[in-house]
Amino acid sequence: MGGGARAPGLDGVRALAVFAVIAFHEQFALSTADFSGLMSFFVLSGYLITDLLAAHWARHGQLDLRGFWIRRARRLLPALAWCWSP
């Protein structure tokens, strides 16, 4: 992939993995996912994060991990704050 190209198929597979984890935790009768949904989610997330970092390396010749983590925090922390609000 690389270069910022979107892969909607991988996003869809990751969404299915999230649904498998939710089904497992809600103990749906049809859910036999065990930890396969969780493992799939982490593997795909790791791949997509690595792809972002590799594309940045290819463009700039260095990694900006501080900037990477700041962008992740800006994206994820508002949802976390919303979940914990009274």
PDB file of N, CA and C in Angstrom:
ATOM      1  N   MET A   1       0.850  -1.180   0.000  1.00  0.00           N
ATOM      2  CA  MET A   1       0.000   0.000   0.000  1.00  0.00           C
ATOM      3  C   MET A   1       0.886   1.230   0.000  1.00  0.00           C
ATOM      4  N   GLY A   2       1.194   1.768   1.148  1.00  0.00           N
ATOM      5  CA  GLY A   2       2.113   2.897   1.260  1.00  0.00           C
ATOM      6  C   GLY A   2       1.605   4.160   0.594  1.00  0.00           C
ATOM      7  N   GLY A   3       2.239   5.248   0.894  1.00  0.00           N
ATOM      8  CA  GLY A   3       1.933   6.502   0.251  1.00  0.00           C
ATOM      9  C   GLY A   3       0.573   7.087   0.579  1.00  0.00           C
ATOM     10  N   GLY A   4      -0.053   6.627   1.618  1.00  0.00           N
ATOM     11  CA  GLY A   4      -1.324   7.194   2.025  1.00  0.00           C
ATOM     12  C   GLY A   4      -2.517   6.636   1.264  1.00  0.00           C
ATOM     13  N   ALA A   5      -2.337   5.590   0.465  1.00  0.00           N
ATOM     14  CA  ALA A   5      -3.453   4.990  -0.263  1.00  0.00           C
ATOM     15  C   ALA A   5      -4.397   4.315   0.714  1.00  0.00           C
ATOM     16  N   ARG A   6      -5.676   4.536   0.509  1.00  0.00           N
ATOM     17  CA  ARG A   6      -6.666   3.927   1.391  1.00  0.00           C
ATOM     18  C   ARG A   6      -6.944   2.502   0.946  1.00  0.00           C
ATOM     19  N   ALA A   7      -7.227   1.656   1.895  1.00  0.00           N
ATOM     20  CA  ALA A   7      -7.596   0.274   1.614  1.00  0.00           C
ATOM     21  C   ALA A   7      -8.906  -0.014   2.333  1.00  0.00           C
ATOM     22  N   PRO A   8     -10.039   0.348   1.716  1.00  0.00           N
ATOM     23  CA  PRO A   8     -11.324   0.163   2.385  1.00  0.00           C
ATOM     24  C   PRO A   8     -11.578  -1.293   2.768  1.00  0.00           C
ATOM     25  N   GLY A   9     -11.025  -2.227   2.005  1.00  0.00           N
ATOM     26  CA  GLY A   9     -11.205  -3.639   2.326  1.00  0.00           C
ATOM     27  C   GLY A   9     -10.597  -3.986   3.680  1.00  0.00           C
ATOM     28  N   LEU A  10      -9.412  -3.444   3.955  1.00  0.00           N
ATOM     29  CA  LEU A  10      -8.776  -3.705   5.249  1.00  0.00           C
ATOM     30  C   LEU A  10      -9.541  -3.040   6.376  1.00  0.00           C
ATOM     31  N   ASP A  11     -10.073  -1.845   6.133  1.00  0.00           N
ATOM     32  CA  ASP A  11     -10.902  -1.195   7.147  1.00  0.00           C
ATOM     33  C   ASP A  11     -12.149  -2.027   7.421  1.00  0.00           C
ATOM     34  N   GLY A  12     -12.715  -2.614   6.373  1.00  0.00           N
ATOM     35  CA  GLY A  12     -13.891  -3.461   6.544  1.00  0.00           C
ATOM     36  C   GLY A  12     -13.579  -4.718   7.331  1.00  0.00           C
ATOM     37  N   VAL A  13     -12.441  -5.341   7.045  1.00  0.00           N
ATOM     38  CA  VAL A  13     -12.045  -6.542   7.797  1.00  0.00           C
ATOM     39  C   VAL A  13     -11.804  -6.187   9.259  1.00  0.00           C
ATOM     40  N   ARG A  14     -11.192  -5.023   9.490  1.00  0.00           N
ATOM     41  CA  ARG A  14     -10.957  -4.588  10.870  1.00  0.00           C
ATOM     42  C   ARG A  14     -12.289  -4.347  11.579  1.00  0.00           C
ATOM     43  N   ALA A  15     -13.262  -3.772  10.884  1.00  0.00           N
ATOM     44  CA  ALA A  15     -14.589  -3.562  11.474  1.00  0.00           C
ATOM     45  C   ALA A  15     -15.251  -4.899  11.812  1.00  0.00           C
ATOM     46  N   LEU A  16     -15.111  -5.885  10.939  1.00  0.00           N
ATOM     47  CA  LEU A  16     -15.660  -7.218  11.230  1.00  0.00           C
ATOM     48  C   LEU A  16     -14.993  -7.829  12.456  1.00  0.00           C
ATOM     49  N   ALA A  17     -13.699  -7.604  12.600  1.00  0.00           N
ATOM     50  CA  ALA A  17     -12.986  -8.110  13.775  1.00  0.00           C
ATOM     51  C   ALA A  17     -13.525  -7.451  15.046  1.00  0.00           C
ATOM     52  N   VAL A  18     -13.812  -6.154  14.973  1.00  0.00           N
ATOM     53  CA  VAL A  18     -14.381  -5.454  16.134  1.00  0.00           C
ATOM     54  C   VAL A  18     -15.740  -6.042  16.476  1.00  0.00           C
ATOM     55  N   PHE A  19     -16.571  -6.291  15.462  1.00  0.00           N
ATOM     56  CA  PHE A  19     -17.879  -6.887  15.718  1.00  0.00           C
ATOM     57  C   PHE A  19     -17.747  -8.283  16.321  1.00  0.00           C
ATOM     58  N   ALA A  20     -16.743  -9.047  15.895  1.00  0.00           N
ATOM     59  CA  ALA A  20     -16.520 -10.378  16.465  1.00  0.00           C
ATOM     60  C   ALA A  20     -16.160 -10.276  17.946  1.00  0.00           C
ATOM     61  N   VAL A  21     -15.344  -9.289  18.304  1.00  0.00           N
ATOM     62  CA  VAL A  21     -14.972  -9.087  19.711  1.00  0.00           C
ATOM     63  C   VAL A  21     -16.204  -8.691  20.522  1.00  0.00           C
ATOM     64  N   ILE A  22     -17.019  -7.787  19.982  1.00  0.00           N
ATOM     65  CA  ILE A  22     -18.237  -7.365  20.682  1.00  0.00           C
ATOM     66  C   ILE A  22     -19.177  -8.550  20.867  1.00  0.00           C
ATOM     67  N   ALA A  23     -19.355  -9.341  19.812  1.00  0.00           N
ATOM     68  CA  ALA A  23     -20.231 -10.512  19.904  1.00  0.00           C
ATOM     69  C   ALA A  23     -19.725 -11.482  20.952  1.00  0.00           C
ATOM     70  N   PHE A  24     -18.418 -11.674  21.020  1.00  0.00           N
ATOM     71  CA  PHE A  24     -17.843 -12.573  22.022  1.00  0.00           C
ATOM     72  C   PHE A  24     -18.118 -12.063  23.434  1.00  0.00           C
ATOM     73  N   HIS A  25     -17.927 -10.758  23.650  1.00  0.00           N
ATOM     74  CA  HIS A  25     -18.126 -10.199  24.983  1.00  0.00           C
ATOM     75  C   HIS A  25     -19.593 -10.157  25.386  1.00  0.00           C
ATOM     76  N   GLU A  26     -20.469 -10.028  24.405  1.00  0.00           N
ATOM     77  CA  GLU A  26     -21.903 -10.027  24.699  1.00  0.00           C
ATOM     78  C   GLU A  26     -22.463 -11.448  24.770  1.00  0.00           C
ATOM     79  N   GLN A  27     -21.622 -12.432  24.514  1.00  0.00           N
ATOM     80  CA  GLN A  27     -21.958 -13.852  24.603  1.00  0.00           C
ATOM     81  C   GLN A  27     -23.149 -14.224  23.725  1.00  0.00           C
ATOM     82  N   PHE A  28     -23.104 -13.734  22.475  1.00  0.00           N
ATOM     83  CA  PHE A  28     -24.123 -14.129  21.514  1.00  0.00           C
ATOM     84  C   PHE A  28     -23.990 -15.611  21.228  1.00  0.00           C
ATOM     85  N   ALA A  29     -25.104 -16.281  21.053  1.00  0.00           N
ATOM     86  CA  ALA A  29     -25.101 -17.733  20.853  1.00  0.00           C
ATOM     87  C   ALA A  29     -24.325 -18.134  19.602  1.00  0.00           C
ATOM     88  N   LEU A  30     -24.344 -17.314  18.576  1.00  0.00           N
ATOM     89  CA  LEU A  30     -23.671 -17.647  17.325  1.00  0.00           C
ATOM     90  C   LEU A  30     -22.196 -17.265  17.322  1.00  0.00           C
ATOM     91  N   SER A  31     -21.732 -16.654  18.391  1.00  0.00           N
ATOM     92  CA  SER A  31     -20.358 -16.180  18.434  1.00  0.00           C
ATOM     93  C   SER A  31     -19.414 -17.289  18.885  1.00  0.00           C
ATOM     94  N   THR A  32     -18.569 -17.723  17.974  1.00  0.00           N
ATOM     95  CA  THR A  32     -17.524 -18.696  18.303  1.00  0.00           C
ATOM     96  C   THR A  32     -16.161 -18.092  17.995  1.00  0.00           C
ATOM     97  N   ALA A  33     -16.090 -16.767  18.036  1.00  0.00           N
ATOM     98  CA  ALA A  33     -14.889 -16.063  17.587  1.00  0.00           C
ATOM     99  C   ALA A  33     -13.687 -16.267  18.494  1.00  0.00           C
ATOM    100  N   ASP A  34     -13.907 -16.619  19.753  1.00  0.00           N
ATOM    101  CA  ASP A  34     -12.820 -16.713  20.722  1.00  0.00           C
ATOM    102  C   ASP A  34     -11.993 -15.434  20.672  1.00  0.00           C
ATOM    103  N   PHE A  35     -10.695 -15.614  20.501  1.00  0.00           N
ATOM    104  CA  PHE A  35      -9.828 -14.449  20.420  1.00  0.00           C
ATOM    105  C   PHE A  35      -9.441 -14.132  18.983  1.00  0.00           C
ATOM    106  N   SER A  36     -10.026 -14.830  18.020  1.00  0.00           N
ATOM    107  CA  SER A  36      -9.647 -14.590  16.624  1.00  0.00           C
ATOM    108  C   SER A  36     -10.013 -13.179  16.182  1.00  0.00           C
ATOM    109  N   GLY A  37     -11.139 -12.652  16.652  1.00  0.00           N
ATOM    110  CA  GLY A  37     -11.499 -11.276  16.317  1.00  0.00           C
ATOM    111  C   GLY A  37     -10.509 -10.294  16.891  1.00  0.00           C
ATOM    112  N   LEU A  38     -10.110 -10.529  18.136  1.00  0.00           N
ATOM    113  CA  LEU A  38      -9.146  -9.645  18.791  1.00  0.00           C
ATOM    114  C   LEU A  38      -7.788  -9.717  18.105  1.00  0.00           C
ATOM    115  N   MET A  39      -7.342 -10.933  17.797  1.00  0.00           N
ATOM    116  CA  MET A  39      -6.056 -11.074  17.119  1.00  0.00           C
ATOM    117  C   MET A  39      -6.087 -10.433  15.735  1.00  0.00           C
ATOM    118  N   SER A  40      -7.185 -10.625  15.004  1.00  0.00           N
ATOM    119  CA  SER A  40      -7.313 -10.018  13.680  1.00  0.00           C
ATOM    120  C   SER A  40      -7.260  -8.502  13.778  1.00  0.00           C
ATOM    121  N   PHE A  41      -7.960  -7.935  14.757  1.00  0.00           N
ATOM    122  CA  PHE A  41      -7.962  -6.489  14.930  1.00  0.00           C
ATOM    123  C   PHE A  41      -6.556  -5.971  15.187  1.00  0.00           C
ATOM    124  N   PHE A  42      -5.820  -6.608  16.095  1.00  0.00           N
ATOM    125  CA  PHE A  42      -4.477  -6.137  16.418  1.00  0.00           C
ATOM    126  C   PHE A  42      -3.509  -6.331  15.252  1.00  0.00           C
ATOM    127  N   VAL A  43      -3.615  -7.432  14.535  1.00  0.00           N
ATOM    128  CA  VAL A  43      -2.728  -7.660  13.390  1.00  0.00           C
ATOM    129  C   VAL A  43      -2.985  -6.618  12.307  1.00  0.00           C
ATOM    130  N   LEU A  44      -4.257  -6.389  11.978  1.00  0.00           N
ATOM    131  CA  LEU A  44      -4.569  -5.399  10.946  1.00  0.00           C
ATOM    132  C   LEU A  44      -4.201  -3.989  11.385  1.00  0.00           C
ATOM    133  N   SER A  45      -4.471  -3.654  12.637  1.00  0.00           N
ATOM    134  CA  SER A  45      -4.097  -2.328  13.134  1.00  0.00           C
ATOM    135  C   SER A  45      -2.586  -2.146  13.088  1.00  0.00           C
ATOM    136  N   GLY A  46      -1.858  -3.167  13.497  1.00  0.00           N
ATOM    137  CA  GLY A  46      -0.392  -3.098  13.442  1.00  0.00           C
ATOM    138  C   GLY A  46       0.109  -2.930  12.023  1.00  0.00           C
ATOM    139  N   TYR A  47      -0.501  -3.631  11.086  1.00  0.00           N
ATOM    140  CA  TYR A  47      -0.105  -3.497   9.681  1.00  0.00           C
ATOM    141  C   TYR A  47      -0.372  -2.084   9.188  1.00  0.00           C
ATOM    142  N   LEU A  48      -1.561  -1.557   9.472  1.00  0.00           N
ATOM    143  CA  LEU A  48      -1.910  -0.226   8.984  1.00  0.00           C
ATOM    144  C   LEU A  48      -1.025   0.854   9.610  1.00  0.00           C
ATOM    145  N   ILE A  49      -0.693   0.712  10.890  1.00  0.00           N
ATOM    146  CA  ILE A  49       0.200   1.674  11.544  1.00  0.00           C
ATOM    147  C   ILE A  49       1.600   1.580  10.945  1.00  0.00           C
ATOM    148  N   THR A  50       2.084   0.360  10.741  1.00  0.00           N
ATOM    149  CA  THR A  50       3.400   0.177  10.136  1.00  0.00           C
ATOM    150  C   THR A  50       3.436   0.756   8.732  1.00  0.00           C
ATOM    151  N   ASP A  51       2.342   0.595   7.990  1.00  0.00           N
ATOM    152  CA  ASP A  51       2.265   1.154   6.644  1.00  0.00           C
ATOM    153  C   ASP A  51       2.338   2.683   6.681  1.00  0.00           C
ATOM    154  N   LEU A  52       1.653   3.301   7.636  1.00  0.00           N
ATOM    155  CA  LEU A  52       1.738   4.760   7.787  1.00  0.00           C
ATOM    156  C   LEU A  52       3.165   5.207   8.074  1.00  0.00           C
ATOM    157  N   LEU A  53       3.823   4.508   8.994  1.00  0.00           N
ATOM    158  CA  LEU A  53       5.188   4.877   9.356  1.00  0.00           C
ATOM    159  C   LEU A  53       6.156   4.639   8.198  1.00  0.00           C
ATOM    160  N   ALA A  54       5.969   3.543   7.461  1.00  0.00           N
ATOM    161  CA  ALA A  54       6.846   3.259   6.315  1.00  0.00           C
ATOM    162  C   ALA A  54       6.661   4.302   5.215  1.00  0.00           C
ATOM    163  N   ALA A  55       5.416   4.733   4.988  1.00  0.00           N
ATOM    164  CA  ALA A  55       5.161   5.766   3.977  1.00  0.00           C
ATOM    165  C   ALA A  55       5.806   7.089   4.391  1.00  0.00           C
ATOM    166  N   HIS A  56       5.739   7.407   5.676  1.00  0.00           N
ATOM    167  CA  HIS A  56       6.376   8.638   6.165  1.00  0.00           C
ATOM    168  C   HIS A  56       7.895   8.552   5.986  1.00  0.00           C
ATOM    169  N   TRP A  57       8.457   7.390   6.289  1.00  0.00           N
ATOM    170  CA  TRP A  57       9.896   7.179   6.123  1.00  0.00           C
ATOM    171  C   TRP A  57      10.292   7.342   4.649  1.00  0.00           C
ATOM    172  N   ALA A  58       9.473   6.794   3.755  1.00  0.00           N
ATOM    173  CA  ALA A  58       9.783   6.878   2.325  1.00  0.00           C
ATOM    174  C   ALA A  58       9.733   8.324   1.829  1.00  0.00           C
ATOM    175  N   ARG A  59       8.811   9.115   2.356  1.00  0.00           N
ATOM    176  CA  ARG A  59       8.683  10.514   1.917  1.00  0.00           C
ATOM    177  C   ARG A  59       9.741  11.412   2.521  1.00  0.00           C
ATOM    178  N   HIS A  60      10.053  11.207   3.805  1.00  0.00           N
ATOM    179  CA  HIS A  60      10.892  12.166   4.530  1.00  0.00           C
ATOM    180  C   HIS A  60      12.261  11.624   4.938  1.00  0.00           C
ATOM    181  N   GLY A  61      12.465  10.318   4.855  1.00  0.00           N
ATOM    182  CA  GLY A  61      13.746   9.739   5.230  1.00  0.00           C
ATOM    183  C   GLY A  61      13.971   9.655   6.731  1.00  0.00           C
ATOM    184  N   GLN A  62      12.946   9.905   7.500  1.00  0.00           N
ATOM    185  CA  GLN A  62      13.035   9.803   8.967  1.00  0.00           C
ATOM    186  C   GLN A  62      11.633   9.579   9.526  1.00  0.00           C
ATOM    187  N   LEU A  63      11.600   9.164  10.777  1.00  0.00           N
ATOM    188  CA  LEU A  63      10.315   8.964  11.451  1.00  0.00           C
ATOM    189  C   LEU A  63      10.073  10.101  12.432  1.00  0.00           C
ATOM    190  N   ASP A  64       8.851  10.543  12.471  1.00  0.00           N
ATOM    191  CA  ASP A  64       8.441  11.558  13.442  1.00  0.00           C
ATOM    192  C   ASP A  64       7.477  10.892  14.416  1.00  0.00           C
ATOM    193  N   LEU A  65       8.041  10.107  15.353  1.00  0.00           N
ATOM    194  CA  LEU A  65       7.182   9.369  16.277  1.00  0.00           C
ATOM    195  C   LEU A  65       6.395  10.303  17.194  1.00  0.00           C
ATOM    196  N   ARG A  66       6.999  11.405  17.571  1.00  0.00           N
ATOM    197  CA  ARG A  66       6.287  12.374  18.420  1.00  0.00           C
ATOM    198  C   ARG A  66       5.049  12.903  17.690  1.00  0.00           C
ATOM    199  N   GLY A  67       5.233  13.304  16.445  1.00  0.00           N
ATOM    200  CA  GLY A  67       4.113  13.779  15.645  1.00  0.00           C
ATOM    201  C   GLY A  67       3.076  12.696  15.421  1.00  0.00           C
ATOM    202  N   PHE A  68       3.541  11.457  15.199  1.00  0.00           N
ATOM    203  CA  PHE A  68       2.640  10.333  15.006  1.00  0.00           C
ATOM    204  C   PHE A  68       1.750  10.142  16.228  1.00  0.00           C
ATOM    205  N   TRP A  69       2.352  10.139  17.424  1.00  0.00           N
ATOM    206  CA  TRP A  69       1.579   9.922  18.646  1.00  0.00           C
ATOM    207  C   TRP A  69       0.667  11.104  18.954  1.00  0.00           C
ATOM    208  N   ILE A  70       1.095  12.312  18.603  1.00  0.00           N
ATOM    209  CA  ILE A  70       0.221  13.478  18.796  1.00  0.00           C
ATOM    210  C   ILE A  70      -1.006  13.369  17.892  1.00  0.00           C
ATOM    211  N   ARG A  71      -0.803  12.962  16.637  1.00  0.00           N
ATOM    212  CA  ARG A  71      -1.953  12.788  15.729  1.00  0.00           C
ATOM    213  C   ARG A  71      -2.889  11.700  16.226  1.00  0.00           C
ATOM    214  N   ARG A  72      -2.352  10.589  16.737  1.00  0.00           N
ATOM    215  CA  ARG A  72      -3.200   9.521  17.280  1.00  0.00           C
ATOM    216  C   ARG A  72      -3.985  10.022  18.487  1.00  0.00           C
ATOM    217  N   ALA A  73      -3.312  10.789  19.370  1.00  0.00           N
ATOM    218  CA  ALA A  73      -3.988  11.305  20.564  1.00  0.00           C
ATOM    219  C   ALA A  73      -5.117  12.255  20.180  1.00  0.00           C
ATOM    220  N   ARG A  74      -4.862  13.119  19.207  1.00  0.00           N
ATOM    221  CA  ARG A  74      -5.906  14.058  18.762  1.00  0.00           C
ATOM    222  C   ARG A  74      -7.097  13.328  18.180  1.00  0.00           C
ATOM    223  N   ARG A  75      -6.845  12.166  17.609  1.00  0.00           N
ATOM    224  CA  ARG A  75      -7.922  11.403  16.993  1.00  0.00           C
ATOM    225  C   ARG A  75      -8.679  10.561  18.018  1.00  0.00           C
ATOM    226  N   LEU A  76      -7.980   9.991  18.985  1.00  0.00           N
ATOM    227  CA  LEU A  76      -8.599   9.024  19.885  1.00  0.00           C
ATOM    228  C   LEU A  76      -9.057   9.591  21.228  1.00  0.00           C
ATOM    229  N   LEU A  77      -8.360  10.577  21.756  1.00  0.00           N
ATOM    230  CA  LEU A  77      -8.700  11.081  23.084  1.00  0.00           C
ATOM    231  C   LEU A  77     -10.082  11.727  23.184  1.00  0.00           C
ATOM    232  N   PRO A  78     -10.558  12.440  22.164  1.00  0.00           N
ATOM    233  CA  PRO A  78     -11.925  12.965  22.285  1.00  0.00           C
ATOM    234  C   PRO A  78     -12.973  11.864  22.487  1.00  0.00           C
ATOM    235  N   ALA A  79     -12.818  10.743  21.813  1.00  0.00           N
ATOM    236  CA  ALA A  79     -13.757   9.632  22.003  1.00  0.00           C
ATOM    237  C   ALA A  79     -13.622   9.051  23.406  1.00  0.00           C
ATOM    238  N   LEU A  80     -12.414   8.963  23.905  1.00  0.00           N
ATOM    239  CA  LEU A  80     -12.194   8.446  25.252  1.00  0.00           C
ATOM    240  C   LEU A  80     -12.826   9.374  26.280  1.00  0.00           C
ATOM    241  N   ALA A  81     -12.659  10.682  26.092  1.00  0.00           N
ATOM    242  CA  ALA A  81     -13.265  11.659  27.019  1.00  0.00           C
ATOM    243  C   ALA A  81     -14.786  11.563  26.952  1.00  0.00           C
ATOM    244  N   TRP A  82     -15.330  11.357  25.763  1.00  0.00           N
ATOM    245  CA  TRP A  82     -16.779  11.235  25.616  1.00  0.00           C
ATOM    246  C   TRP A  82     -17.300   9.997  26.343  1.00  0.00           C
ATOM    247  N   CYS A  83     -16.551   8.896  26.278  1.00  0.00           N
ATOM    248  CA  CYS A  83     -16.974   7.655  26.954  1.00  0.00           C
ATOM    249  C   CYS A  83     -16.959   7.791  28.457  1.00  0.00           C
ATOM    250  N   TRP A  84     -16.034   8.580  28.991  1.00  0.00           N
ATOM    251  CA  TRP A  84     -15.893   8.702  30.438  1.00  0.00           C
ATOM    252  C   TRP A  84     -16.657   9.871  31.024  1.00  0.00           C
ATOM    253  N   SER A  85     -17.334  10.651  30.183  1.00  0.00           N
ATOM    254  CA  SER A  85     -18.060  11.799  30.720  1.00  0.00           C
ATOM    255  C   SER A  85     -19.297  11.328  31.469  1.00  0.00           C
ATOM    256  N   PRO A  86     -19.649  12.026  32.568  1.00  0.00           N
ATOM    257  CA  PRO A  86     -20.805  11.586  33.372  1.00  0.00           C
ATOM    258  C   PRO A  86     -22.129  11.810  32.698  1.00  0.00           C
TER     259      PRO A  86
END
